[in-house]
Amino acid sequence: MSGDGAVTNGTESGITVTVKSFATFREVMETQLVLQLPGGATVQTLLAELTARYSGLGGMLFAAPGRLRDYVNILKNGRNVHFLAGLDTPLDDGDVIALFPPLAGG
């Protein structure tokens, strides 16, 4: 894939976040990309952008609109957003967001 994966929003008040995908999410999206989002963006804003860009990702992330599947883990700078404000967790310039399901083993 070419390009840096940046999405511009045409405003100066935007933020830049790095998204890293792991395990099965790597099957439908890049391993790492940098996105520009509008100021005031949340995890939900980010996921809406990602699901619009990557066909099939929405079904992997969401059990129903606005409800993450139980196995999905989203970390903001190493902290699970479940323990922050969930999908309403605000994003800040420079944040690193990691998307991954738990590892399965036997």
Protein backbone atom coordinates (compact mmCIF):
# COMPACT_ATOMS: atom_id res chain seq x y z
CA MET A 1 0.00 0.00 0.00
CA SER A 2 1.29 3.42 -0.80
CA GLY A 3 0.89 6.72 1.02
CA ASP A 4 1.01 7.44 4.67
CA GLY A 5 -2.65 6.64 5.37
CA ALA A 6 -3.36 10.24 6.39
CA VAL A 7 -6.87 11.57 6.16
CA THR A 8 -7.14 15.32 6.06
CA ASN A 9 -10.12 17.17 7.37
CA GLY A 10 -9.38 20.67 6.12
CA THR A 11 -9.17 22.28 9.55
CA GLU A 12 -6.25 23.57 11.54
CA SER A 13 -7.73 22.33 14.80
CA GLY A 14 -7.27 18.67 13.88
CA ILE A 15 -5.33 16.05 15.76
CA THR A 16 -3.02 13.31 14.56
CA VAL A 17 -3.26 9.81 16.01
CA THR A 18 -1.36 6.62 15.25
CA VAL A 19 -3.41 3.44 14.96
CA LYS A 20 -1.80 0.03 15.40
CA SER A 21 -3.65 -3.17 14.59
CA PHE A 22 -2.88 -6.63 15.89
CA ALA A 23 -3.87 -10.25 15.23
CA THR A 24 -6.96 -10.64 13.05
CA PHE A 25 -7.37 -6.89 12.52
CA ARG A 26 -4.21 -7.00 10.40
CA GLU A 27 -6.13 -9.13 7.90
CA VAL A 28 -8.33 -6.18 6.90
CA MET A 29 -6.25 -3.08 7.64
CA GLU A 30 -2.68 -1.85 7.77
CA THR A 31 -0.46 -2.79 10.68
CA GLN A 32 0.11 0.89 11.49
CA LEU A 33 -1.28 4.10 10.06
CA VAL A 34 -1.41 7.77 10.96
CA LEU A 35 -4.76 9.56 10.75
CA GLN A 36 -5.75 13.18 11.06
CA LEU A 37 -9.06 13.66 12.83
CA PRO A 38 -11.02 16.75 13.81
CA GLY A 39 -10.37 18.32 17.19
CA GLY A 40 -12.72 16.85 19.78
CA ALA A 41 -12.61 13.40 18.17
CA THR A 42 -13.35 10.36 20.30
CA VAL A 43 -12.66 6.65 19.96
CA GLN A 44 -16.07 6.41 18.28
CA THR A 45 -14.99 9.04 15.71
CA LEU A 46 -11.85 7.05 15.00
CA LEU A 47 -13.72 3.77 14.62
CA ALA A 48 -16.22 5.40 12.25
CA GLU A 49 -13.31 6.57 10.08
CA LEU A 50 -11.67 3.14 10.14
CA THR A 51 -14.84 1.21 9.32
CA ALA A 52 -15.52 3.57 6.40
CA ARG A 53 -11.99 2.93 5.07
CA TYR A 54 -11.76 -0.84 5.60
CA SER A 55 -14.50 -3.13 4.36
CA GLY A 56 -15.22 -5.87 6.86
CA LEU A 57 -13.73 -4.11 9.86
CA GLY A 58 -17.11 -3.01 11.24
CA GLY A 59 -18.29 -6.61 11.56
CA MET A 60 -15.10 -7.51 13.40
CA LEU A 61 -15.40 -4.59 15.84
CA PHE A 62 -19.12 -4.25 16.55
CA ALA A 63 -21.76 -6.71 17.76
CA ALA A 64 -24.41 -4.06 17.09
CA PRO A 65 -24.20 -0.38 16.15
CA GLY A 66 -22.33 1.41 18.93
CA ARG A 67 -21.61 -1.80 20.87
CA LEU A 68 -18.15 -3.33 20.66
CA ARG A 69 -17.82 -7.08 20.51
CA ASP A 70 -16.78 -8.58 23.83
CA TYR A 71 -13.39 -9.70 22.56
CA VAL A 72 -12.30 -6.33 21.15
CA ASN A 73 -9.65 -4.45 23.11
CA ILE A 74 -8.86 -0.83 22.33
CA LEU A 75 -5.98 0.81 24.12
CA LYS A 76 -5.28 4.54 24.23
CA ASN A 77 -1.61 5.05 25.08
CA GLY A 78 -1.58 1.64 26.76
CA ARG A 79 -4.80 2.07 28.77
CA ASN A 80 -7.91 0.09 27.88
CA VAL A 81 -10.66 2.54 26.90
CA HIS A 82 -13.11 0.29 28.76
CA PHE A 83 -11.63 1.77 31.96
CA LEU A 84 -11.70 5.32 30.59
CA ALA A 85 -14.88 6.54 28.86
CA GLY A 86 -15.38 3.66 26.44
CA LEU A 87 -16.25 4.77 22.92
CA ASP A 88 -16.62 8.33 24.23
CA THR A 89 -12.96 8.45 25.29
CA PRO A 90 -11.55 11.70 23.89
CA LEU A 91 -8.51 11.55 21.64
CA ASP A 92 -5.60 13.96 21.90
CA ASP A 93 -2.94 14.93 19.41
CA GLY A 94 -0.18 12.32 19.39
CA ASP A 95 -2.22 9.48 20.91
CA VAL A 96 -1.39 5.92 19.98
CA ILE A 97 -4.42 3.67 19.65
CA ALA A 98 -3.99 -0.11 19.59
CA LEU A 99 -6.74 -2.41 18.31
CA PHE A 100 -6.63 -6.11 19.08
CA PRO A 101 -8.59 -9.16 20.14
CA PRO A 102 -7.21 -11.20 23.04
CA LEU A 103 -4.82 -13.95 22.09
CA ALA A 104 -6.33 -17.38 22.05
CA GLY A 105 -4.38 -20.45 22.92
CA GLY A 106 -4.78 -23.92 24.05
